[in-house]
ModelCIF file with pLDDT and N, C-alpha, C, O atoms, coordinates in Angstrom:
data_MODEL
#
_entry.id   MODEL 
#
_entity.id                         1 
_entity.type                       polymer 
_entity.pdbx_number_of_molecules   1 
#
_entity_poly.entity_id                      1 
_entity_poly.type                           'polypeptide(L)' 
_entity_poly.nstd_linkage                   no 
_entity_poly.nstd_monomer                   no 
_entity_poly.pdbx_seq_one_letter_code       
;(UNK)(UNK)(UNK)(UNK)(UNK)(UNK)(UNK)(UNK)(UNK)(UNK)(UNK)(UNK)(UNK)(UNK)(UNK)(UNK)
(UNK)(UNK)(UNK)(UNK)(UNK)(UNK)(UNK)(UNK)(UNK)(UNK)(UNK)(UNK)(UNK)(UNK)(UNK)(UNK)
(UNK)(UNK)(UNK)(UNK)(UNK)(UNK)(UNK)(UNK)(UNK)(UNK)(UNK)(UNK)(UNK)(UNK)(UNK)(UNK)
;
_entity_poly.pdbx_seq_one_letter_code_can   XXXXXXXXXXXXXXXXXXXXXXXXXXXXXXXXXXXXXXXXXXXXXXXX 
_entity_poly.pdbx_strand_id                 A 
#
loop_
_entity_poly_seq.entity_id 
_entity_poly_seq.num 
_entity_poly_seq.mon_id 
_entity_poly_seq.hetero 
1 1  UNK n 
1 2  UNK n 
1 3  UNK n 
1 4  UNK n 
1 5  UNK n 
1 6  UNK n 
1 7  UNK n 
1 8  UNK n 
1 9  UNK n 
1 10 UNK n 
1 11 UNK n 
1 12 UNK n 
1 13 UNK n 
1 14 UNK n 
1 15 UNK n 
1 16 UNK n 
1 17 UNK n 
1 18 UNK n 
1 19 UNK n 
1 20 UNK n 
1 21 UNK n 
1 22 UNK n 
1 23 UNK n 
1 24 UNK n 
1 25 UNK n 
1 26 UNK n 
1 27 UNK n 
1 28 UNK n 
1 29 UNK n 
1 30 UNK n 
1 31 UNK n 
1 32 UNK n 
1 33 UNK n 
1 34 UNK n 
1 35 UNK n 
1 36 UNK n 
1 37 UNK n 
1 38 UNK n 
1 39 UNK n 
1 40 UNK n 
1 41 UNK n 
1 42 UNK n 
1 43 UNK n 
1 44 UNK n 
1 45 UNK n 
1 46 UNK n 
1 47 UNK n 
1 48 UNK n 
#
_struct_asym.id          A 
_struct_asym.entity_id   1 
#
loop_
_ma_qa_metric.id 
_ma_qa_metric.mode 
_ma_qa_metric.name 
_ma_qa_metric.software_group_id 
_ma_qa_metric.type 
1 global pLDDT . pLDDT 
2 local  pLDDT . pLDDT 
#
_ma_qa_metric_global.metric_id      1 
_ma_qa_metric_global.metric_value   92.31 
_ma_qa_metric_global.model_id       1 
_ma_qa_metric_global.ordinal_id     1 
#
loop_
_ma_qa_metric_local.label_asym_id 
_ma_qa_metric_local.label_comp_id 
_ma_qa_metric_local.label_seq_id 
_ma_qa_metric_local.metric_id 
_ma_qa_metric_local.metric_value 
_ma_qa_metric_local.model_id 
_ma_qa_metric_local.ordinal_id 
A UNK 1  2 92.00 1 1  
A UNK 2  2 92.00 1 2  
A UNK 3  2 93.00 1 3  
A UNK 4  2 94.00 1 4  
A UNK 5  2 93.00 1 5  
A UNK 6  2 94.00 1 6  
A UNK 7  2 94.00 1 7  
A UNK 8  2 95.00 1 8  
A UNK 9  2 95.00 1 9  
A UNK 10 2 95.00 1 10 
A UNK 11 2 96.00 1 11 
A UNK 12 2 96.00 1 12 
A UNK 13 2 96.00 1 13 
A UNK 14 2 95.00 1 14 
A UNK 15 2 95.00 1 15 
A UNK 16 2 95.00 1 16 
A UNK 17 2 94.00 1 17 
A UNK 18 2 91.00 1 18 
A UNK 19 2 90.00 1 19 
A UNK 20 2 90.00 1 20 
A UNK 21 2 90.00 1 21 
A UNK 22 2 88.00 1 22 
A UNK 23 2 86.00 1 23 
A UNK 24 2 83.00 1 24 
A UNK 25 2 80.00 1 25 
A UNK 26 2 85.00 1 26 
A UNK 27 2 86.00 1 27 
A UNK 28 2 89.00 1 28 
A UNK 29 2 88.00 1 29 
A UNK 30 2 88.00 1 30 
A UNK 31 2 91.00 1 31 
A UNK 32 2 93.00 1 32 
A UNK 33 2 93.00 1 33 
A UNK 34 2 93.00 1 34 
A UNK 35 2 94.00 1 35 
A UNK 36 2 95.00 1 36 
A UNK 37 2 94.00 1 37 
A UNK 38 2 94.00 1 38 
A UNK 39 2 94.00 1 39 
A UNK 40 2 93.00 1 40 
A UNK 41 2 93.00 1 41 
A UNK 42 2 93.00 1 42 
A UNK 43 2 95.00 1 43 
A UNK 44 2 95.00 1 44 
A UNK 45 2 96.00 1 45 
A UNK 46 2 96.00 1 46 
A UNK 47 2 96.00 1 47 
A UNK 48 2 95.00 1 48 
#
loop_
_atom_site.group_PDB 
_atom_site.id 
_atom_site.type_symbol 
_atom_site.label_atom_id 
_atom_site.label_alt_id 
_atom_site.label_comp_id 
_atom_site.label_asym_id 
_atom_site.label_entity_id 
_atom_site.label_seq_id 
_atom_site.pdbx_PDB_ins_code 
_atom_site.Cartn_x 
_atom_site.Cartn_y 
_atom_site.Cartn_z 
_atom_site.occupancy 
_atom_site.B_iso_or_equiv 
_atom_site.pdbx_formal_charge 
_atom_site.auth_seq_id 
_atom_site.auth_comp_id 
_atom_site.auth_asym_id 
_atom_site.auth_atom_id 
_atom_site.pdbx_PDB_model_num 
ATOM 1   N N  . UNK A 1 1  ? 135.998 226.818 112.322 1.00 92.00 ? 1  UNK A N  1 
ATOM 2   C CA . UNK A 1 1  ? 134.386 226.669 112.084 1.00 92.00 ? 1  UNK A CA 1 
ATOM 3   C C  . UNK A 1 1  ? 133.898 225.432 111.767 1.00 92.00 ? 1  UNK A C  1 
ATOM 4   O O  . UNK A 1 1  ? 132.830 225.022 112.223 1.00 92.00 ? 1  UNK A O  1 
ATOM 5   N N  . UNK A 1 2  ? 134.750 224.660 110.855 1.00 92.00 ? 2  UNK A N  1 
ATOM 6   C CA . UNK A 1 2  ? 134.305 223.104 110.400 1.00 92.00 ? 2  UNK A CA 1 
ATOM 7   C C  . UNK A 1 2  ? 134.452 222.447 111.584 1.00 92.00 ? 2  UNK A C  1 
ATOM 8   O O  . UNK A 1 2  ? 133.619 221.562 111.776 1.00 92.00 ? 2  UNK A O  1 
ATOM 9   N N  . UNK A 1 3  ? 135.310 222.630 112.478 1.00 93.00 ? 3  UNK A N  1 
ATOM 10  C CA . UNK A 1 3  ? 134.908 222.031 114.133 1.00 93.00 ? 3  UNK A CA 1 
ATOM 11  C C  . UNK A 1 3  ? 133.951 222.266 114.948 1.00 93.00 ? 3  UNK A C  1 
ATOM 12  O O  . UNK A 1 3  ? 133.458 221.542 115.813 1.00 93.00 ? 3  UNK A O  1 
ATOM 13  N N  . UNK A 1 4  ? 133.675 223.469 114.586 1.00 94.00 ? 4  UNK A N  1 
ATOM 14  C CA . UNK A 1 4  ? 132.254 224.058 115.584 1.00 94.00 ? 4  UNK A CA 1 
ATOM 15  C C  . UNK A 1 4  ? 130.877 223.098 114.506 1.00 94.00 ? 4  UNK A C  1 
ATOM 16  O O  . UNK A 1 4  ? 129.967 222.440 115.009 1.00 94.00 ? 4  UNK A O  1 
ATOM 17  N N  . UNK A 1 5  ? 131.083 223.271 113.156 1.00 93.00 ? 5  UNK A N  1 
ATOM 18  C CA . UNK A 1 5  ? 130.066 222.818 112.556 1.00 93.00 ? 5  UNK A CA 1 
ATOM 19  C C  . UNK A 1 5  ? 129.704 221.421 112.958 1.00 93.00 ? 5  UNK A C  1 
ATOM 20  O O  . UNK A 1 5  ? 128.607 220.919 112.712 1.00 93.00 ? 5  UNK A O  1 
ATOM 21  N N  . UNK A 1 6  ? 130.826 220.730 113.683 1.00 94.00 ? 6  UNK A N  1 
ATOM 22  C CA . UNK A 1 6  ? 131.047 219.194 113.751 1.00 94.00 ? 6  UNK A CA 1 
ATOM 23  C C  . UNK A 1 6  ? 130.077 219.146 114.934 1.00 94.00 ? 6  UNK A C  1 
ATOM 24  O O  . UNK A 1 6  ? 129.117 218.378 114.877 1.00 94.00 ? 6  UNK A O  1 
ATOM 25  N N  . UNK A 1 7  ? 130.285 219.965 116.055 1.00 94.00 ? 7  UNK A N  1 
ATOM 26  C CA . UNK A 1 7  ? 129.575 219.921 117.212 1.00 94.00 ? 7  UNK A CA 1 
ATOM 27  C C  . UNK A 1 7  ? 128.318 220.448 117.422 1.00 94.00 ? 7  UNK A C  1 
ATOM 28  O O  . UNK A 1 7  ? 127.631 220.276 118.429 1.00 94.00 ? 7  UNK A O  1 
ATOM 29  N N  . UNK A 1 8  ? 127.959 221.272 116.175 1.00 95.00 ? 8  UNK A N  1 
ATOM 30  C CA . UNK A 1 8  ? 126.555 221.545 115.868 1.00 95.00 ? 8  UNK A CA 1 
ATOM 31  C C  . UNK A 1 8  ? 125.818 220.016 115.961 1.00 95.00 ? 8  UNK A C  1 
ATOM 32  O O  . UNK A 1 8  ? 125.021 219.581 116.793 1.00 95.00 ? 8  UNK A O  1 
ATOM 33  N N  . UNK A 1 9  ? 126.400 219.401 114.791 1.00 95.00 ? 9  UNK A N  1 
ATOM 34  C CA . UNK A 1 9  ? 125.465 218.378 114.524 1.00 95.00 ? 9  UNK A CA 1 
ATOM 35  C C  . UNK A 1 9  ? 125.306 217.325 115.693 1.00 95.00 ? 9  UNK A C  1 
ATOM 36  O O  . UNK A 1 9  ? 124.240 216.752 115.913 1.00 95.00 ? 9  UNK A O  1 
ATOM 37  N N  . UNK A 1 10 ? 126.577 217.103 116.493 1.00 95.00 ? 10 UNK A N  1 
ATOM 38  C CA . UNK A 1 10 ? 126.469 216.464 117.988 1.00 95.00 ? 10 UNK A CA 1 
ATOM 39  C C  . UNK A 1 10 ? 125.481 216.915 118.259 1.00 95.00 ? 10 UNK A C  1 
ATOM 40  O O  . UNK A 1 10 ? 124.487 216.220 118.045 1.00 95.00 ? 10 UNK A O  1 
ATOM 41  N N  . UNK A 1 11 ? 125.302 218.268 118.849 1.00 96.00 ? 11 UNK A N  1 
ATOM 42  C CA . UNK A 1 11 ? 124.335 218.867 120.145 1.00 96.00 ? 11 UNK A CA 1 
ATOM 43  C C  . UNK A 1 11 ? 122.960 218.354 119.045 1.00 96.00 ? 11 UNK A C  1 
ATOM 44  O O  . UNK A 1 11 ? 122.278 217.488 119.594 1.00 96.00 ? 11 UNK A O  1 
ATOM 45  N N  . UNK A 1 12 ? 122.552 218.667 117.886 1.00 96.00 ? 12 UNK A N  1 
ATOM 46  C CA . UNK A 1 12 ? 121.257 218.808 117.459 1.00 96.00 ? 12 UNK A CA 1 
ATOM 47  C C  . UNK A 1 12 ? 120.758 217.300 117.426 1.00 96.00 ? 12 UNK A C  1 
ATOM 48  O O  . UNK A 1 12 ? 119.552 217.063 117.357 1.00 96.00 ? 12 UNK A O  1 
ATOM 49  N N  . UNK A 1 13 ? 121.762 216.223 117.479 1.00 96.00 ? 13 UNK A N  1 
ATOM 50  C CA . UNK A 1 13 ? 121.252 214.582 117.540 1.00 96.00 ? 13 UNK A CA 1 
ATOM 51  C C  . UNK A 1 13 ? 120.940 214.511 119.184 1.00 96.00 ? 13 UNK A C  1 
ATOM 52  O O  . UNK A 1 13 ? 119.869 214.258 119.736 1.00 96.00 ? 13 UNK A O  1 
ATOM 53  N N  . UNK A 1 14 ? 121.818 214.720 119.584 1.00 95.00 ? 14 UNK A N  1 
ATOM 54  C CA . UNK A 1 14 ? 121.529 214.716 121.424 1.00 95.00 ? 14 UNK A CA 1 
ATOM 55  C C  . UNK A 1 14 ? 120.334 215.058 121.926 1.00 95.00 ? 14 UNK A C  1 
ATOM 56  O O  . UNK A 1 14 ? 119.845 214.557 122.939 1.00 95.00 ? 14 UNK A O  1 
ATOM 57  N N  . UNK A 1 15 ? 119.810 215.942 121.220 1.00 95.00 ? 15 UNK A N  1 
ATOM 58  C CA . UNK A 1 15 ? 118.277 216.720 121.197 1.00 95.00 ? 15 UNK A CA 1 
ATOM 59  C C  . UNK A 1 15 ? 117.509 215.784 120.676 1.00 95.00 ? 15 UNK A C  1 
ATOM 60  O O  . UNK A 1 15 ? 116.439 215.483 121.205 1.00 95.00 ? 15 UNK A O  1 
ATOM 61  N N  . UNK A 1 16 ? 117.931 215.237 119.631 1.00 95.00 ? 16 UNK A N  1 
ATOM 62  C CA . UNK A 1 16 ? 117.148 214.352 118.794 1.00 95.00 ? 16 UNK A CA 1 
ATOM 63  C C  . UNK A 1 16 ? 116.441 213.001 119.548 1.00 95.00 ? 16 UNK A C  1 
ATOM 64  O O  . UNK A 1 16 ? 115.288 212.577 119.621 1.00 95.00 ? 16 UNK A O  1 
ATOM 65  N N  . UNK A 1 17 ? 117.658 212.591 120.027 1.00 94.00 ? 17 UNK A N  1 
ATOM 66  C CA . UNK A 1 17 ? 117.499 211.313 120.852 1.00 94.00 ? 17 UNK A CA 1 
ATOM 67  C C  . UNK A 1 17 ? 116.564 211.463 122.192 1.00 94.00 ? 17 UNK A C  1 
ATOM 68  O O  . UNK A 1 17 ? 115.958 210.556 122.762 1.00 94.00 ? 17 UNK A O  1 
ATOM 69  N N  . UNK A 1 18 ? 116.608 212.822 122.533 1.00 91.00 ? 18 UNK A N  1 
ATOM 70  C CA . UNK A 1 18 ? 115.788 212.646 123.947 1.00 91.00 ? 18 UNK A CA 1 
ATOM 71  C C  . UNK A 1 18 ? 116.231 212.394 125.070 1.00 91.00 ? 18 UNK A C  1 
ATOM 72  O O  . UNK A 1 18 ? 115.577 212.307 126.109 1.00 91.00 ? 18 UNK A O  1 
ATOM 73  N N  . UNK A 1 19 ? 117.497 212.247 124.912 1.00 90.00 ? 19 UNK A N  1 
ATOM 74  C CA . UNK A 1 19 ? 118.423 211.722 126.323 1.00 90.00 ? 19 UNK A CA 1 
ATOM 75  C C  . UNK A 1 19 ? 118.564 212.494 127.379 1.00 90.00 ? 19 UNK A C  1 
ATOM 76  O O  . UNK A 1 19 ? 119.081 212.144 128.441 1.00 90.00 ? 19 UNK A O  1 
ATOM 77  N N  . UNK A 1 20 ? 118.031 213.754 127.080 1.00 90.00 ? 20 UNK A N  1 
ATOM 78  C CA . UNK A 1 20 ? 118.065 215.046 128.234 1.00 90.00 ? 20 UNK A CA 1 
ATOM 79  C C  . UNK A 1 20 ? 116.395 214.853 128.728 1.00 90.00 ? 20 UNK A C  1 
ATOM 80  O O  . UNK A 1 20 ? 115.779 215.246 129.718 1.00 90.00 ? 20 UNK A O  1 
ATOM 81  N N  . UNK A 1 21 ? 116.107 214.252 127.829 1.00 90.00 ? 21 UNK A N  1 
ATOM 82  C CA . UNK A 1 21 ? 114.428 214.122 128.958 1.00 90.00 ? 21 UNK A CA 1 
ATOM 83  C C  . UNK A 1 21 ? 114.557 213.248 130.298 1.00 90.00 ? 21 UNK A C  1 
ATOM 84  O O  . UNK A 1 21 ? 115.235 212.227 130.411 1.00 90.00 ? 21 UNK A O  1 
ATOM 85  N N  . UNK A 1 22 ? 113.837 213.800 131.210 1.00 88.00 ? 22 UNK A N  1 
ATOM 86  C CA . UNK A 1 22 ? 113.827 213.963 132.087 1.00 88.00 ? 22 UNK A CA 1 
ATOM 87  C C  . UNK A 1 22 ? 112.049 213.655 132.893 1.00 88.00 ? 22 UNK A C  1 
ATOM 88  O O  . UNK A 1 22 ? 111.317 214.638 133.007 1.00 88.00 ? 22 UNK A O  1 
ATOM 89  N N  . UNK A 1 23 ? 111.667 212.608 133.260 1.00 86.00 ? 23 UNK A N  1 
ATOM 90  C CA . UNK A 1 23 ? 110.532 212.647 133.814 1.00 86.00 ? 23 UNK A CA 1 
ATOM 91  C C  . UNK A 1 23 ? 109.640 213.805 134.580 1.00 86.00 ? 23 UNK A C  1 
ATOM 92  O O  . UNK A 1 23 ? 110.146 213.820 135.702 1.00 86.00 ? 23 UNK A O  1 
ATOM 93  N N  . UNK A 1 24 ? 108.632 214.737 134.567 1.00 83.00 ? 24 UNK A N  1 
ATOM 94  C CA . UNK A 1 24 ? 108.609 216.078 134.909 1.00 83.00 ? 24 UNK A CA 1 
ATOM 95  C C  . UNK A 1 24 ? 107.139 216.311 134.664 1.00 83.00 ? 24 UNK A C  1 
ATOM 96  O O  . UNK A 1 24 ? 106.398 215.650 133.936 1.00 83.00 ? 24 UNK A O  1 
ATOM 97  N N  . UNK A 1 25 ? 106.870 217.275 135.336 1.00 80.00 ? 25 UNK A N  1 
ATOM 98  C CA . UNK A 1 25 ? 105.133 217.112 135.328 1.00 80.00 ? 25 UNK A CA 1 
ATOM 99  C C  . UNK A 1 25 ? 104.758 217.715 134.126 1.00 80.00 ? 25 UNK A C  1 
ATOM 100 O O  . UNK A 1 25 ? 103.551 217.693 133.881 1.00 80.00 ? 25 UNK A O  1 
ATOM 101 N N  . UNK A 1 26 ? 105.616 218.332 133.192 1.00 85.00 ? 26 UNK A N  1 
ATOM 102 C CA . UNK A 1 26 ? 104.974 218.741 131.825 1.00 85.00 ? 26 UNK A CA 1 
ATOM 103 C C  . UNK A 1 26 ? 106.071 218.158 130.848 1.00 85.00 ? 26 UNK A C  1 
ATOM 104 O O  . UNK A 1 26 ? 107.206 218.636 130.844 1.00 85.00 ? 26 UNK A O  1 
ATOM 105 N N  . UNK A 1 27 ? 105.617 216.855 129.815 1.00 86.00 ? 27 UNK A N  1 
ATOM 106 C CA . UNK A 1 27 ? 106.243 216.091 129.516 1.00 86.00 ? 27 UNK A CA 1 
ATOM 107 C C  . UNK A 1 27 ? 106.474 215.634 127.985 1.00 86.00 ? 27 UNK A C  1 
ATOM 108 O O  . UNK A 1 27 ? 105.364 215.134 127.801 1.00 86.00 ? 27 UNK A O  1 
ATOM 109 N N  . UNK A 1 28 ? 107.060 215.485 126.929 1.00 89.00 ? 28 UNK A N  1 
ATOM 110 C CA . UNK A 1 28 ? 107.461 215.005 125.939 1.00 89.00 ? 28 UNK A CA 1 
ATOM 111 C C  . UNK A 1 28 ? 107.233 213.725 126.052 1.00 89.00 ? 28 UNK A C  1 
ATOM 112 O O  . UNK A 1 28 ? 108.005 213.199 126.855 1.00 89.00 ? 28 UNK A O  1 
ATOM 113 N N  . UNK A 1 29 ? 106.427 212.961 125.534 1.00 88.00 ? 29 UNK A N  1 
ATOM 114 C CA . UNK A 1 29 ? 106.772 211.457 125.577 1.00 88.00 ? 29 UNK A CA 1 
ATOM 115 C C  . UNK A 1 29 ? 107.498 210.896 124.629 1.00 88.00 ? 29 UNK A C  1 
ATOM 116 O O  . UNK A 1 29 ? 108.132 211.598 123.840 1.00 88.00 ? 29 UNK A O  1 
ATOM 117 N N  . UNK A 1 30 ? 107.507 209.871 124.583 1.00 88.00 ? 30 UNK A N  1 
ATOM 118 C CA . UNK A 1 30 ? 108.152 208.935 123.357 1.00 88.00 ? 30 UNK A CA 1 
ATOM 119 C C  . UNK A 1 30 ? 107.631 208.831 122.132 1.00 88.00 ? 30 UNK A C  1 
ATOM 120 O O  . UNK A 1 30 ? 108.444 208.656 121.224 1.00 88.00 ? 30 UNK A O  1 
ATOM 121 N N  . UNK A 1 31 ? 106.218 208.906 121.790 1.00 91.00 ? 31 UNK A N  1 
ATOM 122 C CA . UNK A 1 31 ? 106.236 208.979 120.549 1.00 91.00 ? 31 UNK A CA 1 
ATOM 123 C C  . UNK A 1 31 ? 105.587 210.229 120.268 1.00 91.00 ? 31 UNK A C  1 
ATOM 124 O O  . UNK A 1 31 ? 104.831 210.165 119.299 1.00 91.00 ? 31 UNK A O  1 
ATOM 125 N N  . UNK A 1 32 ? 105.680 211.602 120.963 1.00 93.00 ? 32 UNK A N  1 
ATOM 126 C CA . UNK A 1 32 ? 106.074 212.968 120.679 1.00 93.00 ? 32 UNK A CA 1 
ATOM 127 C C  . UNK A 1 32 ? 107.474 212.838 120.255 1.00 93.00 ? 32 UNK A C  1 
ATOM 128 O O  . UNK A 1 32 ? 107.938 213.651 119.456 1.00 93.00 ? 32 UNK A O  1 
ATOM 129 N N  . UNK A 1 33 ? 107.921 212.233 120.555 1.00 93.00 ? 33 UNK A N  1 
ATOM 130 C CA . UNK A 1 33 ? 110.115 213.004 120.080 1.00 93.00 ? 33 UNK A CA 1 
ATOM 131 C C  . UNK A 1 33 ? 109.990 211.621 118.406 1.00 93.00 ? 33 UNK A C  1 
ATOM 132 O O  . UNK A 1 33 ? 110.595 211.510 117.340 1.00 93.00 ? 33 UNK A O  1 
ATOM 133 N N  . UNK A 1 34 ? 109.057 210.998 118.980 1.00 93.00 ? 34 UNK A N  1 
ATOM 134 C CA . UNK A 1 34 ? 109.028 210.130 117.399 1.00 93.00 ? 34 UNK A CA 1 
ATOM 135 C C  . UNK A 1 34 ? 108.640 210.735 115.974 1.00 93.00 ? 34 UNK A C  1 
ATOM 136 O O  . UNK A 1 34 ? 109.222 210.704 114.890 1.00 93.00 ? 34 UNK A O  1 
ATOM 137 N N  . UNK A 1 35 ? 107.255 211.379 116.452 1.00 94.00 ? 35 UNK A N  1 
ATOM 138 C CA . UNK A 1 35 ? 106.764 212.569 115.390 1.00 94.00 ? 35 UNK A CA 1 
ATOM 139 C C  . UNK A 1 35 ? 107.450 213.477 115.055 1.00 94.00 ? 35 UNK A C  1 
ATOM 140 O O  . UNK A 1 35 ? 107.553 213.613 113.836 1.00 94.00 ? 35 UNK A O  1 
ATOM 141 N N  . UNK A 1 36 ? 108.235 214.516 115.977 1.00 95.00 ? 36 UNK A N  1 
ATOM 142 C CA . UNK A 1 36 ? 109.057 215.419 115.836 1.00 95.00 ? 36 UNK A CA 1 
ATOM 143 C C  . UNK A 1 36 ? 109.730 215.012 114.727 1.00 95.00 ? 36 UNK A C  1 
ATOM 144 O O  . UNK A 1 36 ? 109.534 215.414 113.580 1.00 95.00 ? 36 UNK A O  1 
ATOM 145 N N  . UNK A 1 37 ? 110.566 214.167 115.106 1.00 94.00 ? 37 UNK A N  1 
ATOM 146 C CA . UNK A 1 37 ? 111.629 213.345 114.191 1.00 94.00 ? 37 UNK A CA 1 
ATOM 147 C C  . UNK A 1 37 ? 111.279 212.967 113.235 1.00 94.00 ? 37 UNK A C  1 
ATOM 148 O O  . UNK A 1 37 ? 112.319 212.610 112.682 1.00 94.00 ? 37 UNK A O  1 
ATOM 149 N N  . UNK A 1 38 ? 110.345 212.740 112.476 1.00 94.00 ? 38 UNK A N  1 
ATOM 150 C CA . UNK A 1 38 ? 110.001 211.769 112.033 1.00 94.00 ? 38 UNK A CA 1 
ATOM 151 C C  . UNK A 1 38 ? 108.888 212.519 111.003 1.00 94.00 ? 38 UNK A C  1 
ATOM 152 O O  . UNK A 1 38 ? 108.148 211.873 110.261 1.00 94.00 ? 38 UNK A O  1 
ATOM 153 N N  . UNK A 1 39 ? 108.896 213.810 111.076 1.00 94.00 ? 39 UNK A N  1 
ATOM 154 C CA . UNK A 1 39 ? 107.736 214.445 110.277 1.00 94.00 ? 39 UNK A CA 1 
ATOM 155 C C  . UNK A 1 39 ? 108.725 214.687 109.298 1.00 94.00 ? 39 UNK A C  1 
ATOM 156 O O  . UNK A 1 39 ? 109.901 214.935 109.563 1.00 94.00 ? 39 UNK A O  1 
ATOM 157 N N  . UNK A 1 40 ? 108.081 214.590 107.796 1.00 93.00 ? 40 UNK A N  1 
ATOM 158 C CA . UNK A 1 40 ? 108.865 214.930 106.716 1.00 93.00 ? 40 UNK A CA 1 
ATOM 159 C C  . UNK A 1 40 ? 109.263 216.382 106.346 1.00 93.00 ? 40 UNK A C  1 
ATOM 160 O O  . UNK A 1 40 ? 108.844 217.346 106.986 1.00 93.00 ? 40 UNK A O  1 
ATOM 161 N N  . UNK A 1 41 ? 110.027 216.482 105.368 1.00 93.00 ? 41 UNK A N  1 
ATOM 162 C CA . UNK A 1 41 ? 110.392 217.921 105.128 1.00 93.00 ? 41 UNK A CA 1 
ATOM 163 C C  . UNK A 1 41 ? 111.322 219.075 105.614 1.00 93.00 ? 41 UNK A C  1 
ATOM 164 O O  . UNK A 1 41 ? 112.120 218.354 106.213 1.00 93.00 ? 41 UNK A O  1 
ATOM 165 N N  . UNK A 1 42 ? 111.743 220.167 105.773 1.00 93.00 ? 42 UNK A N  1 
ATOM 166 C CA . UNK A 1 42 ? 112.961 221.137 106.067 1.00 93.00 ? 42 UNK A CA 1 
ATOM 167 C C  . UNK A 1 42 ? 112.386 221.078 107.512 1.00 93.00 ? 42 UNK A C  1 
ATOM 168 O O  . UNK A 1 42 ? 111.202 221.088 107.849 1.00 93.00 ? 42 UNK A O  1 
ATOM 169 N N  . UNK A 1 43 ? 114.049 220.982 108.666 1.00 95.00 ? 43 UNK A N  1 
ATOM 170 C CA . UNK A 1 43 ? 113.966 220.309 109.717 1.00 95.00 ? 43 UNK A CA 1 
ATOM 171 C C  . UNK A 1 43 ? 114.892 221.581 110.359 1.00 95.00 ? 43 UNK A C  1 
ATOM 172 O O  . UNK A 1 43 ? 115.772 222.133 109.699 1.00 95.00 ? 43 UNK A O  1 
ATOM 173 N N  . UNK A 1 44 ? 114.478 222.029 112.042 1.00 95.00 ? 44 UNK A N  1 
ATOM 174 C CA . UNK A 1 44 ? 115.948 222.244 112.444 1.00 95.00 ? 44 UNK A CA 1 
ATOM 175 C C  . UNK A 1 44 ? 115.379 222.133 113.713 1.00 95.00 ? 44 UNK A C  1 
ATOM 176 O O  . UNK A 1 44 ? 114.216 222.187 114.111 1.00 95.00 ? 44 UNK A O  1 
ATOM 177 N N  . UNK A 1 45 ? 117.038 221.877 114.554 1.00 96.00 ? 45 UNK A N  1 
ATOM 178 C CA . UNK A 1 45 ? 116.806 221.313 115.904 1.00 96.00 ? 45 UNK A CA 1 
ATOM 179 C C  . UNK A 1 45 ? 118.270 222.502 116.521 1.00 96.00 ? 45 UNK A C  1 
ATOM 180 O O  . UNK A 1 45 ? 119.465 222.664 116.274 1.00 96.00 ? 45 UNK A O  1 
ATOM 181 N N  . UNK A 1 46 ? 117.205 223.097 117.431 1.00 96.00 ? 46 UNK A N  1 
ATOM 182 C CA . UNK A 1 46 ? 118.683 224.249 118.051 1.00 96.00 ? 46 UNK A CA 1 
ATOM 183 C C  . UNK A 1 46 ? 118.471 224.367 119.393 1.00 96.00 ? 46 UNK A C  1 
ATOM 184 O O  . UNK A 1 46 ? 117.375 224.235 119.936 1.00 96.00 ? 46 UNK A O  1 
ATOM 185 N N  . UNK A 1 47 ? 119.709 224.662 120.044 1.00 96.00 ? 47 UNK A N  1 
ATOM 186 C CA . UNK A 1 47 ? 120.020 224.550 121.658 1.00 96.00 ? 47 UNK A CA 1 
ATOM 187 C C  . UNK A 1 47 ? 120.442 225.623 121.869 1.00 96.00 ? 47 UNK A C  1 
ATOM 188 O O  . UNK A 1 47 ? 120.903 226.404 121.036 1.00 96.00 ? 47 UNK A O  1 
ATOM 189 N N  . UNK A 1 48 ? 120.294 225.827 123.386 1.00 95.00 ? 48 UNK A N  1 
ATOM 190 C CA . UNK A 1 48 ? 121.081 227.097 123.608 1.00 95.00 ? 48 UNK A CA 1 
ATOM 191 C C  . UNK A 1 48 ? 120.967 226.922 125.524 1.00 95.00 ? 48 UNK A C  1 
ATOM 192 O O  . UNK A 1 48 ? 121.487 227.766 126.253 1.00 95.00 ? 48 UNK A O  1 
#
């Protein structure tokens, strides 16, 4: 379970980097991802 929890942290940070974003017809741009990541307070990042 501890190993899986570490993997969860990896998944979350990978989403946060925006590395999986590809140019498309409906985009989250760099400014959007910065705002999402830098908003203060409690936060979650989910991936499935």
